[in-house]
């Protein structure tokens, strides 16, 4: 691997790891606040079962409905994770820009007093 490609690969692996971990955290948070016996989950399951009963039959529609709801949960958790990682990277970039600006302004002030 070339030396120039290492920072890029480190950034990609860091971002992928953050996305995976934050997605798992958000998935856990959402499932903790939505019990299987809750009215919203039961209503959503019934709606999905009615929609999927024609394709899977009434006996297998419940499993397909729960899989569909779980897939929606994964999409929402992943979207939430993207927002988190984007915010963190924006904060990191802004703080890095602030550090660069303060160091460059300090170097310019120090450089004005010198005679060459």
PDB file of N, CA and C in Angstrom:
ATOM      1  N   UNK A   1       0.851  -1.177   0.000  1.00  0.00           N
ATOM      2  CA  UNK A   1       0.000   0.000   0.000  1.00  0.00           C
ATOM      3  C   UNK A   1       0.891   1.232   0.000  1.00  0.00           C
ATOM      4  N   UNK A   2       0.590   2.161  -0.860  1.00  0.00           N
ATOM      5  CA  UNK A   2       1.377   3.382  -0.959  1.00  0.00           C
ATOM      6  C   UNK A   2       1.140   4.252   0.262  1.00  0.00           C
ATOM      7  N   UNK A   3       2.127   5.048   0.576  1.00  0.00           N
ATOM      8  CA  UNK A   3       2.056   5.904   1.753  1.00  0.00           C
ATOM      9  C   UNK A   3       0.928   6.926   1.633  1.00  0.00           C
ATOM     10  N   UNK A   4       0.651   7.377   0.439  1.00  0.00           N
ATOM     11  CA  UNK A   4      -0.404   8.375   0.231  1.00  0.00           C
ATOM     12  C   UNK A   4      -1.793   7.779   0.427  1.00  0.00           C
ATOM     13  N   UNK A   5      -1.933   6.477   0.291  1.00  0.00           N
ATOM     14  CA  UNK A   5      -3.246   5.843   0.424  1.00  0.00           C
ATOM     15  C   UNK A   5      -3.596   5.476   1.856  1.00  0.00           C
ATOM     16  N   UNK A   6      -2.630   5.477   2.746  1.00  0.00           N
ATOM     17  CA  UNK A   6      -2.899   5.071   4.130  1.00  0.00           C
ATOM     18  C   UNK A   6      -3.879   5.975   4.866  1.00  0.00           C
ATOM     19  N   UNK A   7      -3.732   7.294   4.817  1.00  0.00           N
ATOM     20  CA  UNK A   7      -4.728   8.124   5.510  1.00  0.00           C
ATOM     21  C   UNK A   7      -6.140   7.914   4.976  1.00  0.00           C
ATOM     22  N   UNK A   8      -6.261   7.705   3.676  1.00  0.00           N
ATOM     23  CA  UNK A   8      -7.576   7.476   3.085  1.00  0.00           C
ATOM     24  C   UNK A   8      -8.176   6.177   3.607  1.00  0.00           C
ATOM     25  N   UNK A   9      -7.373   5.118   3.656  1.00  0.00           N
ATOM     26  CA  UNK A   9      -7.891   3.838   4.124  1.00  0.00           C
ATOM     27  C   UNK A   9      -8.206   3.882   5.616  1.00  0.00           C
ATOM     28  N   UNK A  10      -7.408   4.635   6.377  1.00  0.00           N
ATOM     29  CA  UNK A  10      -7.696   4.789   7.808  1.00  0.00           C
ATOM     30  C   UNK A  10      -9.012   5.532   7.992  1.00  0.00           C
ATOM     31  N   UNK A  11      -9.227   6.585   7.214  1.00  0.00           N
ATOM     32  CA  UNK A  11     -10.473   7.342   7.318  1.00  0.00           C
ATOM     33  C   UNK A  11     -11.688   6.521   6.933  1.00  0.00           C
ATOM     34  N   UNK A  12     -11.550   5.723   5.884  1.00  0.00           N
ATOM     35  CA  UNK A  12     -12.665   4.883   5.453  1.00  0.00           C
ATOM     36  C   UNK A  12     -12.983   3.823   6.503  1.00  0.00           C
ATOM     37  N   UNK A  13     -11.946   3.186   7.045  1.00  0.00           N
ATOM     38  CA  UNK A  13     -12.195   2.152   8.053  1.00  0.00           C
ATOM     39  C   UNK A  13     -12.756   2.754   9.334  1.00  0.00           C
ATOM     40  N   UNK A  14     -12.294   3.940   9.707  1.00  0.00           N
ATOM     41  CA  UNK A  14     -12.828   4.608  10.895  1.00  0.00           C
ATOM     42  C   UNK A  14     -14.299   4.961  10.697  1.00  0.00           C
ATOM     43  N   UNK A  15     -14.632   5.487   9.533  1.00  0.00           N
ATOM     44  CA  UNK A  15     -16.017   5.844   9.250  1.00  0.00           C
ATOM     45  C   UNK A  15     -16.920   4.610   9.215  1.00  0.00           C
ATOM     46  N   UNK A  16     -16.447   3.537   8.601  1.00  0.00           N
ATOM     47  CA  UNK A  16     -17.248   2.304   8.540  1.00  0.00           C
ATOM     48  C   UNK A  16     -17.474   1.734   9.934  1.00  0.00           C
ATOM     49  N   UNK A  17     -16.437   1.780  10.768  1.00  0.00           N
ATOM     50  CA  UNK A  17     -16.581   1.281  12.136  1.00  0.00           C
ATOM     51  C   UNK A  17     -17.556   2.131  12.932  1.00  0.00           C
ATOM     52  N   UNK A  18     -17.445   3.449  12.808  1.00  0.00           N
ATOM     53  CA  UNK A  18     -18.375   4.336  13.512  1.00  0.00           C
ATOM     54  C   UNK A  18     -19.804   4.112  13.052  1.00  0.00           C
ATOM     55  N   UNK A  19     -20.007   3.954  11.743  1.00  0.00           N
ATOM     56  CA  UNK A  19     -21.361   3.714  11.237  1.00  0.00           C
ATOM     57  C   UNK A  19     -21.941   2.419  11.774  1.00  0.00           C
ATOM     58  N   UNK A  20     -21.140   1.372  11.786  1.00  0.00           N
ATOM     59  CA  UNK A  20     -21.623   0.078  12.267  1.00  0.00           C
ATOM     60  C   UNK A  20     -21.978   0.150  13.744  1.00  0.00           C
ATOM     61  N   UNK A  21     -21.101   0.733  14.525  1.00  0.00           N
ATOM     62  CA  UNK A  21     -21.347   0.796  15.975  1.00  0.00           C
ATOM     63  C   UNK A  21     -22.513   1.711  16.321  1.00  0.00           C
ATOM     64  N   UNK A  22     -22.578   2.883  15.689  1.00  0.00           N
ATOM     65  CA  UNK A  22     -23.681   3.793  15.983  1.00  0.00           C
ATOM     66  C   UNK A  22     -25.015   3.217  15.501  1.00  0.00           C
ATOM     67  N   UNK A  23     -25.003   2.490  14.404  1.00  0.00           N
ATOM     68  CA  UNK A  23     -26.223   1.853  13.932  1.00  0.00           C
ATOM     69  C   UNK A  23     -26.715   0.825  14.943  1.00  0.00           C
ATOM     70  N   UNK A  24     -25.799   0.056  15.510  1.00  0.00           N
ATOM     71  CA  UNK A  24     -26.181  -0.930  16.522  1.00  0.00           C
ATOM     72  C   UNK A  24     -26.714  -0.249  17.782  1.00  0.00           C
ATOM     73  N   UNK A  25     -26.106   0.866  18.157  1.00  0.00           N
ATOM     74  CA  UNK A  25     -26.579   1.607  19.338  1.00  0.00           C
ATOM     75  C   UNK A  25     -27.989   2.130  19.098  1.00  0.00           C
ATOM     76  N   UNK A  26     -28.224   2.716  17.941  1.00  0.00           N
ATOM     77  CA  UNK A  26     -29.556   3.268  17.660  1.00  0.00           C
ATOM     78  C   UNK A  26     -30.599   2.166  17.513  1.00  0.00           C
ATOM     79  N   UNK A  27     -30.209   1.045  16.957  1.00  0.00           N
ATOM     80  CA  UNK A  27     -31.133  -0.088  16.860  1.00  0.00           C
ATOM     81  C   UNK A  27     -31.529  -0.549  18.256  1.00  0.00           C
ATOM     82  N   UNK A  28     -30.567  -0.626  19.144  1.00  0.00           N
ATOM     83  CA  UNK A  28     -30.849  -1.028  20.521  1.00  0.00           C
ATOM     84  C   UNK A  28     -31.746  -0.014  21.217  1.00  0.00           C
ATOM     85  N   UNK A  29     -31.477   1.272  21.015  1.00  0.00           N
ATOM     86  CA  UNK A  29     -32.304   2.306  21.640  1.00  0.00           C
ATOM     87  C   UNK A  29     -33.741   2.246  21.141  1.00  0.00           C
ATOM     88  N   UNK A  30     -33.921   2.052  19.840  1.00  0.00           N
ATOM     89  CA  UNK A  30     -35.277   2.011  19.299  1.00  0.00           C
ATOM     90  C   UNK A  30     -36.039   0.778  19.765  1.00  0.00           C
ATOM     91  N   UNK A  31     -35.371  -0.370  19.849  1.00  0.00           N
ATOM     92  CA  UNK A  31     -36.074  -1.574  20.294  1.00  0.00           C
ATOM     93  C   UNK A  31     -36.355  -1.550  21.783  1.00  0.00           C
ATOM     94  N   UNK A  32     -35.558  -0.837  22.564  1.00  0.00           N
ATOM     95  CA  UNK A  32     -35.822  -0.738  23.999  1.00  0.00           C
ATOM     96  C   UNK A  32     -37.085   0.053  24.292  1.00  0.00           C
ATOM     97  N   UNK A  33     -37.414   1.010  23.432  1.00  0.00           N
ATOM     98  CA  UNK A  33     -38.577   1.855  23.669  1.00  0.00           C
ATOM     99  C   UNK A  33     -39.809   1.425  22.886  1.00  0.00           C
ATOM    100  N   UNK A  34     -39.743   0.295  22.226  1.00  0.00           N
ATOM    101  CA  UNK A  34     -40.893  -0.209  21.470  1.00  0.00           C
ATOM    102  C   UNK A  34     -41.082  -1.692  21.791  1.00  0.00           C
ATOM    103  N   UNK A  35     -41.828  -2.016  22.864  1.00  0.00           N
ATOM    104  CA  UNK A  35     -41.995  -3.430  23.227  1.00  0.00           C
ATOM    105  C   UNK A  35     -42.854  -4.178  22.207  1.00  0.00           C
ATOM    106  N   UNK A  36     -42.641  -5.490  22.132  1.00  0.00           N
ATOM    107  CA  UNK A  36     -43.417  -6.322  21.209  1.00  0.00           C
ATOM    108  C   UNK A  36     -44.900  -6.335  21.550  1.00  0.00           C
ATOM    109  N   UNK A  37     -45.217  -6.100  22.813  1.00  0.00           N
ATOM    110  CA  UNK A  37     -46.622  -6.097  23.221  1.00  0.00           C
ATOM    111  C   UNK A  37     -47.250  -4.714  23.104  1.00  0.00           C
ATOM    112  N   UNK A  38     -46.504  -3.716  22.644  1.00  0.00           N
ATOM    113  CA  UNK A  38     -47.027  -2.360  22.516  1.00  0.00           C
ATOM    114  C   UNK A  38     -48.069  -2.241  21.420  1.00  0.00           C
ATOM    115  N   UNK A  39     -48.954  -1.269  21.559  1.00  0.00           N
ATOM    116  CA  UNK A  39     -50.041  -1.081  20.600  1.00  0.00           C
ATOM    117  C   UNK A  39     -49.525  -0.686  19.224  1.00  0.00           C
ATOM    118  N   UNK A  40     -48.494   0.162  19.162  1.00  0.00           N
ATOM    119  CA  UNK A  40     -47.976   0.590  17.863  1.00  0.00           C
ATOM    120  C   UNK A  40     -47.369  -0.579  17.099  1.00  0.00           C
ATOM    121  N   UNK A  41     -46.611  -1.421  17.801  1.00  0.00           N
ATOM    122  CA  UNK A  41     -46.008  -2.567  17.138  1.00  0.00           C
ATOM    123  C   UNK A  41     -47.083  -3.547  16.674  1.00  0.00           C
ATOM    124  N   UNK A  42     -48.064  -3.805  17.515  1.00  0.00           N
ATOM    125  CA  UNK A  42     -49.139  -4.730  17.153  1.00  0.00           C
ATOM    126  C   UNK A  42     -49.933  -4.208  15.960  1.00  0.00           C
ATOM    127  N   UNK A  43     -50.229  -2.907  15.954  1.00  0.00           N
ATOM    128  CA  UNK A  43     -50.975  -2.324  14.837  1.00  0.00           C
ATOM    129  C   UNK A  43     -50.157  -2.401  13.543  1.00  0.00           C
ATOM    130  N   UNK A  44     -48.861  -2.063  13.622  1.00  0.00           N
ATOM    131  CA  UNK A  44     -48.012  -2.116  12.430  1.00  0.00           C
ATOM    132  C   UNK A  44     -47.888  -3.549  11.914  1.00  0.00           C
ATOM    133  N   UNK A  45     -47.798  -4.500  12.836  1.00  0.00           N
ATOM    134  CA  UNK A  45     -47.709  -5.902  12.437  1.00  0.00           C
ATOM    135  C   UNK A  45     -48.990  -6.357  11.743  1.00  0.00           C
ATOM    136  N   UNK A  46     -50.132  -5.966  12.283  1.00  0.00           N
ATOM    137  CA  UNK A  46     -51.414  -6.342  11.677  1.00  0.00           C
ATOM    138  C   UNK A  46     -51.566  -5.744  10.278  1.00  0.00           C
ATOM    139  N   UNK A  47     -51.161  -4.497  10.123  1.00  0.00           N
ATOM    140  CA  UNK A  47     -51.253  -3.854   8.807  1.00  0.00           C
ATOM    141  C   UNK A  47     -50.365  -4.579   7.809  1.00  0.00           C
ATOM    142  N   UNK A  48     -49.133  -4.889   8.221  1.00  0.00           N
ATOM    143  CA  UNK A  48     -48.217  -5.604   7.332  1.00  0.00           C
ATOM    144  C   UNK A  48     -48.731  -7.013   7.024  1.00  0.00           C
ATOM    145  N   UNK A  49     -49.321  -7.675   8.034  1.00  0.00           N
ATOM    146  CA  UNK A  49     -49.841  -9.029   7.817  1.00  0.00           C
ATOM    147  C   UNK A  49     -50.963  -9.031   6.782  1.00  0.00           C
ATOM    148  N   UNK A  50     -51.840  -8.034   6.866  1.00  0.00           N
ATOM    149  CA  UNK A  50     -52.927  -7.955   5.885  1.00  0.00           C
ATOM    150  C   UNK A  50     -52.380  -7.721   4.481  1.00  0.00           C
ATOM    151  N   UNK A  51     -51.338  -6.892   4.384  1.00  0.00           N
ATOM    152  CA  UNK A  51     -50.764  -6.608   3.068  1.00  0.00           C
ATOM    153  C   UNK A  51     -50.015  -7.812   2.505  1.00  0.00           C
ATOM    154  N   UNK A  52     -49.374  -8.593   3.371  1.00  0.00           N
ATOM    155  CA  UNK A  52     -48.546  -9.703   2.911  1.00  0.00           C
ATOM    156  C   UNK A  52     -49.278 -11.046   2.869  1.00  0.00           C
ATOM    157  N   UNK A  53     -50.494 -11.108   3.389  1.00  0.00           N
ATOM    158  CA  UNK A  53     -51.229 -12.373   3.444  1.00  0.00           C
ATOM    159  C   UNK A  53     -51.531 -12.922   2.058  1.00  0.00           C
ATOM    160  N   UNK A  54     -51.719 -12.052   1.087  1.00  0.00           N
ATOM    161  CA  UNK A  54     -52.010 -12.535  -0.259  1.00  0.00           C
ATOM    162  C   UNK A  54     -50.795 -13.196  -0.906  1.00  0.00           C
ATOM    163  N   UNK A  55     -49.592 -12.763  -0.514  1.00  0.00           N
ATOM    164  CA  UNK A  55     -48.365 -13.313  -1.099  1.00  0.00           C
ATOM    165  C   UNK A  55     -47.852 -14.540  -0.354  1.00  0.00           C
ATOM    166  N   UNK A  56     -47.946 -14.518   0.975  1.00  0.00           N
ATOM    167  CA  UNK A  56     -47.365 -15.584   1.781  1.00  0.00           C
ATOM    168  C   UNK A  56     -48.392 -16.519   2.397  1.00  0.00           C
ATOM    169  N   UNK A  57     -49.641 -16.149   2.361  1.00  0.00           N
ATOM    170  CA  UNK A  57     -50.681 -16.935   3.012  1.00  0.00           C
ATOM    171  C   UNK A  57     -50.833 -16.478   4.453  1.00  0.00           C
ATOM    172  N   UNK A  58     -52.003 -16.695   5.027  1.00  0.00           N
ATOM    173  CA  UNK A  58     -52.259 -16.211   6.388  1.00  0.00           C
ATOM    174  C   UNK A  58     -51.348 -16.841   7.443  1.00  0.00           C
ATOM    175  N   UNK A  59     -50.936 -18.091   7.234  1.00  0.00           N
ATOM    176  CA  UNK A  59     -50.117 -18.772   8.241  1.00  0.00           C
ATOM    177  C   UNK A  59     -48.695 -18.217   8.314  1.00  0.00           C
ATOM    178  N   UNK A  60     -48.161 -17.742   7.208  1.00  0.00           N
ATOM    179  CA  UNK A  60     -46.779 -17.269   7.170  1.00  0.00           C
ATOM    180  C   UNK A  60     -46.659 -15.744   7.105  1.00  0.00           C
ATOM    181  N   UNK A  61     -47.759 -15.055   7.131  1.00  0.00           N
ATOM    182  CA  UNK A  61     -47.733 -13.601   6.975  1.00  0.00           C
ATOM    183  C   UNK A  61     -47.141 -12.905   8.193  1.00  0.00           C
ATOM    184  N   UNK A  62     -47.301 -13.470   9.384  1.00  0.00           N
ATOM    185  CA  UNK A  62     -46.774 -12.818  10.593  1.00  0.00           C
ATOM    186  C   UNK A  62     -45.256 -12.722  10.549  1.00  0.00           C
ATOM    187  N   UNK A  63     -44.602 -13.805  10.180  1.00  0.00           N
ATOM    188  CA  UNK A  63     -43.136 -13.790  10.113  1.00  0.00           C
ATOM    189  C   UNK A  63     -42.653 -12.779   9.065  1.00  0.00           C
ATOM    190  N   UNK A  64     -43.294 -12.775   7.912  1.00  0.00           N
ATOM    191  CA  UNK A  64     -42.906 -11.831   6.861  1.00  0.00           C
ATOM    192  C   UNK A  64     -43.149 -10.389   7.302  1.00  0.00           C
ATOM    193  N   UNK A  65     -44.216 -10.156   8.039  1.00  0.00           N
ATOM    194  CA  UNK A  65     -44.509  -8.804   8.529  1.00  0.00           C
ATOM    195  C   UNK A  65     -43.455  -8.358   9.539  1.00  0.00           C
ATOM    196  N   UNK A  66     -43.060  -9.245  10.438  1.00  0.00           N
ATOM    197  CA  UNK A  66     -42.033  -8.893  11.425  1.00  0.00           C
ATOM    198  C   UNK A  66     -40.677  -8.659  10.758  1.00  0.00           C
ATOM    199  N   UNK A  67     -40.374  -9.444   9.735  1.00  0.00           N
ATOM    200  CA  UNK A  67     -39.126  -9.232   8.993  1.00  0.00           C
ATOM    201  C   UNK A  67     -39.162  -7.868   8.308  1.00  0.00           C
ATOM    202  N   UNK A  68     -40.284  -7.505   7.742  1.00  0.00           N
ATOM    203  CA  UNK A  68     -40.406  -6.206   7.080  1.00  0.00           C
ATOM    204  C   UNK A  68     -40.244  -5.061   8.081  1.00  0.00           C
ATOM    205  N   UNK A  69     -40.842  -5.190   9.246  1.00  0.00           N
ATOM    206  CA  UNK A  69     -40.699  -4.151  10.266  1.00  0.00           C
ATOM    207  C   UNK A  69     -39.259  -4.067  10.774  1.00  0.00           C
ATOM    208  N   UNK A  70     -38.599  -5.205  10.908  1.00  0.00           N
ATOM    209  CA  UNK A  70     -37.201  -5.210  11.333  1.00  0.00           C
ATOM    210  C   UNK A  70     -36.309  -4.556  10.278  1.00  0.00           C
ATOM    211  N   UNK A  71     -36.603  -4.793   9.019  1.00  0.00           N
ATOM    212  CA  UNK A  71     -35.839  -4.168   7.940  1.00  0.00           C
ATOM    213  C   UNK A  71     -36.002  -2.643   7.986  1.00  0.00           C
ATOM    214  N   UNK A  72     -37.208  -2.172   8.261  1.00  0.00           N
ATOM    215  CA  UNK A  72     -37.433  -0.738   8.399  1.00  0.00           C
ATOM    216  C   UNK A  72     -36.674  -0.172   9.594  1.00  0.00           C
ATOM    217  N   UNK A  73     -36.624  -0.947  10.681  1.00  0.00           N
ATOM    218  CA  UNK A  73     -35.865  -0.531  11.858  1.00  0.00           C
ATOM    219  C   UNK A  73     -34.380  -0.391  11.523  1.00  0.00           C
ATOM    220  N   UNK A  74     -33.838  -1.322  10.760  1.00  0.00           N
ATOM    221  CA  UNK A  74     -32.432  -1.253  10.369  1.00  0.00           C
ATOM    222  C   UNK A  74     -32.157  -0.028   9.501  1.00  0.00           C
ATOM    223  N   UNK A  75     -33.051   0.274   8.566  1.00  0.00           N
ATOM    224  CA  UNK A  75     -32.882   1.466   7.732  1.00  0.00           C
ATOM    225  C   UNK A  75     -32.884   2.734   8.578  1.00  0.00           C
ATOM    226  N   UNK A  76     -33.806   2.820   9.532  1.00  0.00           N
ATOM    227  CA  UNK A  76     -33.882   4.005  10.379  1.00  0.00           C
ATOM    228  C   UNK A  76     -32.644   4.130  11.263  1.00  0.00           C
ATOM    229  N   UNK A  77     -32.173   3.020  11.819  1.00  0.00           N
ATOM    230  CA  UNK A  77     -30.986   3.052  12.668  1.00  0.00           C
ATOM    231  C   UNK A  77     -29.752   3.455  11.864  1.00  0.00           C
ATOM    232  N   UNK A  78     -29.645   2.964  10.641  1.00  0.00           N
ATOM    233  CA  UNK A  78     -28.511   3.316   9.796  1.00  0.00           C
ATOM    234  C   UNK A  78     -28.559   4.785   9.393  1.00  0.00           C
ATOM    235  N   UNK A  79     -29.737   5.289   9.063  1.00  0.00           N
ATOM    236  CA  UNK A  79     -29.863   6.710   8.737  1.00  0.00           C
ATOM    237  C   UNK A  79     -29.482   7.588   9.911  1.00  0.00           C
ATOM    238  N   UNK A  80     -29.918   7.206  11.094  1.00  0.00           N
ATOM    239  CA  UNK A  80     -29.592   7.939  12.315  1.00  0.00           C
ATOM    240  C   UNK A  80     -28.075   7.915  12.547  1.00  0.00           C
ATOM    241  N   UNK A  81     -27.446   6.791  12.291  1.00  0.00           N
ATOM    242  CA  UNK A  81     -26.000   6.672  12.447  1.00  0.00           C
ATOM    243  C   UNK A  81     -25.268   7.562  11.449  1.00  0.00           C
ATOM    244  N   UNK A  82     -25.742   7.641  10.200  1.00  0.00           N
ATOM    245  CA  UNK A  82     -25.127   8.526   9.214  1.00  0.00           C
ATOM    246  C   UNK A  82     -25.162   9.977   9.690  1.00  0.00           C
ATOM    247  N   UNK A  83     -26.273  10.391  10.265  1.00  0.00           N
ATOM    248  CA  UNK A  83     -26.392  11.760  10.764  1.00  0.00           C
ATOM    249  C   UNK A  83     -25.386  11.982  11.893  1.00  0.00           C
ATOM    250  N   UNK A  84     -25.272  11.031  12.804  1.00  0.00           N
ATOM    251  CA  UNK A  84     -24.311  11.159  13.908  1.00  0.00           C
ATOM    252  C   UNK A  84     -22.884  11.272  13.403  1.00  0.00           C
ATOM    253  N   UNK A  85     -22.490  10.382  12.517  1.00  0.00           N
ATOM    254  CA  UNK A  85     -21.116  10.378  12.016  1.00  0.00           C
ATOM    255  C   UNK A  85     -20.847  11.646  11.223  1.00  0.00           C
ATOM    256  N   UNK A  86     -21.805  12.124  10.454  1.00  0.00           N
ATOM    257  CA  UNK A  86     -21.630  13.366   9.713  1.00  0.00           C
ATOM    258  C   UNK A  86     -21.420  14.531  10.671  1.00  0.00           C
ATOM    259  N   UNK A  87     -22.193  14.585  11.744  1.00  0.00           N
ATOM    260  CA  UNK A  87     -22.022  15.660  12.734  1.00  0.00           C
ATOM    261  C   UNK A  87     -20.643  15.602  13.377  1.00  0.00           C
ATOM    262  N   UNK A  88     -20.205  14.407  13.751  1.00  0.00           N
ATOM    263  CA  UNK A  88     -18.885  14.269  14.388  1.00  0.00           C
ATOM    264  C   UNK A  88     -17.769  14.674  13.444  1.00  0.00           C
ATOM    265  N   UNK A  89     -17.857  14.263  12.188  1.00  0.00           N
ATOM    266  CA  UNK A  89     -16.825  14.624  11.225  1.00  0.00           C
ATOM    267  C   UNK A  89     -16.832  16.119  10.932  1.00  0.00           C
ATOM    268  N   UNK A  90     -18.004  16.736  10.900  1.00  0.00           N
ATOM    269  CA  UNK A  90     -18.082  18.180  10.702  1.00  0.00           C
ATOM    270  C   UNK A  90     -17.451  18.912  11.875  1.00  0.00           C
ATOM    271  N   UNK A  91     -17.719  18.447  13.089  1.00  0.00           N
ATOM    272  CA  UNK A  91     -17.118  19.049  14.281  1.00  0.00           C
ATOM    273  C   UNK A  91     -15.605  18.873  14.265  1.00  0.00           C
ATOM    274  N   UNK A  92     -15.146  17.705  13.869  1.00  0.00           N
ATOM    275  CA  UNK A  92     -13.709  17.447  13.784  1.00  0.00           C
ATOM    276  C   UNK A  92     -13.050  18.354  12.745  1.00  0.00           C
ATOM    277  N   UNK A  93     -13.685  18.517  11.598  1.00  0.00           N
ATOM    278  CA  UNK A  93     -13.137  19.393  10.553  1.00  0.00           C
ATOM    279  C   UNK A  93     -13.112  20.854  11.002  1.00  0.00           C
ATOM    280  N   UNK A  94     -14.176  21.297  11.657  1.00  0.00           N
ATOM    281  CA  UNK A  94     -14.210  22.681  12.134  1.00  0.00           C
ATOM    282  C   UNK A  94     -13.165  22.940  13.202  1.00  0.00           C
ATOM    283  N   UNK A  95     -12.994  21.980  14.112  1.00  0.00           N
ATOM    284  CA  UNK A  95     -11.963  22.170  15.143  1.00  0.00           C
ATOM    285  C   UNK A  95     -10.573  22.128  14.521  1.00  0.00           C
ATOM    286  N   UNK A  96     -10.358  21.273  13.533  1.00  0.00           N
ATOM    287  CA  UNK A  96      -9.071  21.239  12.833  1.00  0.00           C
ATOM    288  C   UNK A  96      -8.807  22.535  12.087  1.00  0.00           C
ATOM    289  N   UNK A  97      -9.841  23.093  11.463  1.00  0.00           N
ATOM    290  CA  UNK A  97      -9.683  24.366  10.761  1.00  0.00           C
ATOM    291  C   UNK A  97      -9.376  25.485  11.750  1.00  0.00           C
ATOM    292  N   UNK A  98     -10.002  25.433  12.911  1.00  0.00           N
ATOM    293  CA  UNK A  98      -9.719  26.440  13.941  1.00  0.00           C
ATOM    294  C   UNK A  98      -8.288  26.359  14.428  1.00  0.00           C
ATOM    295  N   UNK A  99      -7.789  25.160  14.610  1.00  0.00           N
ATOM    296  CA  UNK A  99      -6.401  24.983  15.048  1.00  0.00           C
ATOM    297  C   UNK A  99      -5.435  25.496  13.984  1.00  0.00           C
ATOM    298  N   UNK A 100      -5.702  25.174  12.727  1.00  0.00           N
ATOM    299  CA  UNK A 100      -4.837  25.630  11.632  1.00  0.00           C
ATOM    300  C   UNK A 100      -4.852  27.147  11.535  1.00  0.00           C
ATOM    301  N   UNK A 101      -6.021  27.750  11.655  1.00  0.00           N
ATOM    302  CA  UNK A 101      -6.117  29.210  11.558  1.00  0.00           C
ATOM    303  C   UNK A 101      -5.381  29.891  12.698  1.00  0.00           C
ATOM    304  N   UNK A 102      -5.511  29.384  13.922  1.00  0.00           N
ATOM    305  CA  UNK A 102      -4.814  30.023  15.041  1.00  0.00           C
ATOM    306  C   UNK A 102      -3.308  29.845  14.921  1.00  0.00           C
ATOM    307  N   UNK A 103      -2.850  28.702  14.471  1.00  0.00           N
ATOM    308  CA  UNK A 103      -1.406  28.500  14.300  1.00  0.00           C
ATOM    309  C   UNK A 103      -0.852  29.346  13.160  1.00  0.00           C
ATOM    310  N   UNK A 104      -1.600  29.457  12.074  1.00  0.00           N
ATOM    311  CA  UNK A 104      -1.094  30.251  10.948  1.00  0.00           C
ATOM    312  C   UNK A 104      -1.105  31.741  11.279  1.00  0.00           C
ATOM    313  N   UNK A 105      -2.098  32.214  12.032  1.00  0.00           N
ATOM    314  CA  UNK A 105      -2.115  33.627  12.411  1.00  0.00           C
ATOM    315  C   UNK A 105      -0.999  33.918  13.408  1.00  0.00           C
ATOM    316  N   UNK A 106      -0.701  32.975  14.291  1.00  0.00           N
ATOM    317  CA  UNK A 106       0.399  33.150  15.230  1.00  0.00           C
ATOM    318  C   UNK A 106       1.734  33.166  14.485  1.00  0.00           C
ATOM    319  N   UNK A 107       1.881  32.310  13.471  1.00  0.00           N
ATOM    320  CA  UNK A 107       3.123  32.277  12.683  1.00  0.00           C
ATOM    321  C   UNK A 107       3.265  33.562  11.895  1.00  0.00           C
ATOM    322  N   UNK A 108       2.163  34.138  11.409  1.00  0.00           N
ATOM    323  CA  UNK A 108       2.249  35.381  10.666  1.00  0.00           C
ATOM    324  C   UNK A 108       2.637  36.536  11.579  1.00  0.00           C
ATOM    325  N   UNK A 109       2.105  36.552  12.801  1.00  0.00           N
ATOM    326  CA  UNK A 109       2.452  37.602  13.750  1.00  0.00           C
ATOM    327  C   UNK A 109       3.915  37.492  14.143  1.00  0.00           C
ATOM    328  N   UNK A 110       4.404  36.275  14.398  1.00  0.00           N
ATOM    329  CA  UNK A 110       5.806  36.069  14.734  1.00  0.00           C
ATOM    330  C   UNK A 110       6.710  36.440  13.560  1.00  0.00           C
ATOM    331  N   UNK A 111       6.278  36.225  12.364  1.00  0.00           N
ATOM    332  CA  UNK A 111       7.085  36.475  11.178  1.00  0.00           C
ATOM    333  C   UNK A 111       7.202  37.950  10.828  1.00  0.00           C
ATOM    334  N   UNK A 112       6.268  38.806  11.283  1.00  0.00           N
ATOM    335  CA  UNK A 112       6.325  40.221  10.945  1.00  0.00           C
ATOM    336  C   UNK A 112       7.459  40.947  11.655  1.00  0.00           C
ATOM    337  N   UNK A 113       7.841  40.478  12.811  1.00  0.00           N
ATOM    338  CA  UNK A 113       8.881  41.167  13.582  1.00  0.00           C
ATOM    339  C   UNK A 113      10.289  40.845  13.100  1.00  0.00           C
ATOM    340  N   UNK A 114      10.440  39.882  12.230  1.00  0.00           N
ATOM    341  CA  UNK A 114      11.770  39.467  11.789  1.00  0.00           C
ATOM    342  C   UNK A 114      12.197  40.282  10.579  1.00  0.00           C
ATOM    343  N   UNK A 115      13.484  40.529  10.516  1.00  0.00           N
ATOM    344  CA  UNK A 115      14.025  41.194   9.337  1.00  0.00           C
ATOM    345  C   UNK A 115      14.950  40.225   8.628  1.00  0.00           C
ATOM    346  N   UNK A 116      14.923  40.239   7.336  1.00  0.00           N
ATOM    347  CA  UNK A 116      15.679  39.237   6.593  1.00  0.00           C
ATOM    348  C   UNK A 116      16.747  39.798   5.837  1.00  0.00           C
TER     349      UNK A 116
END
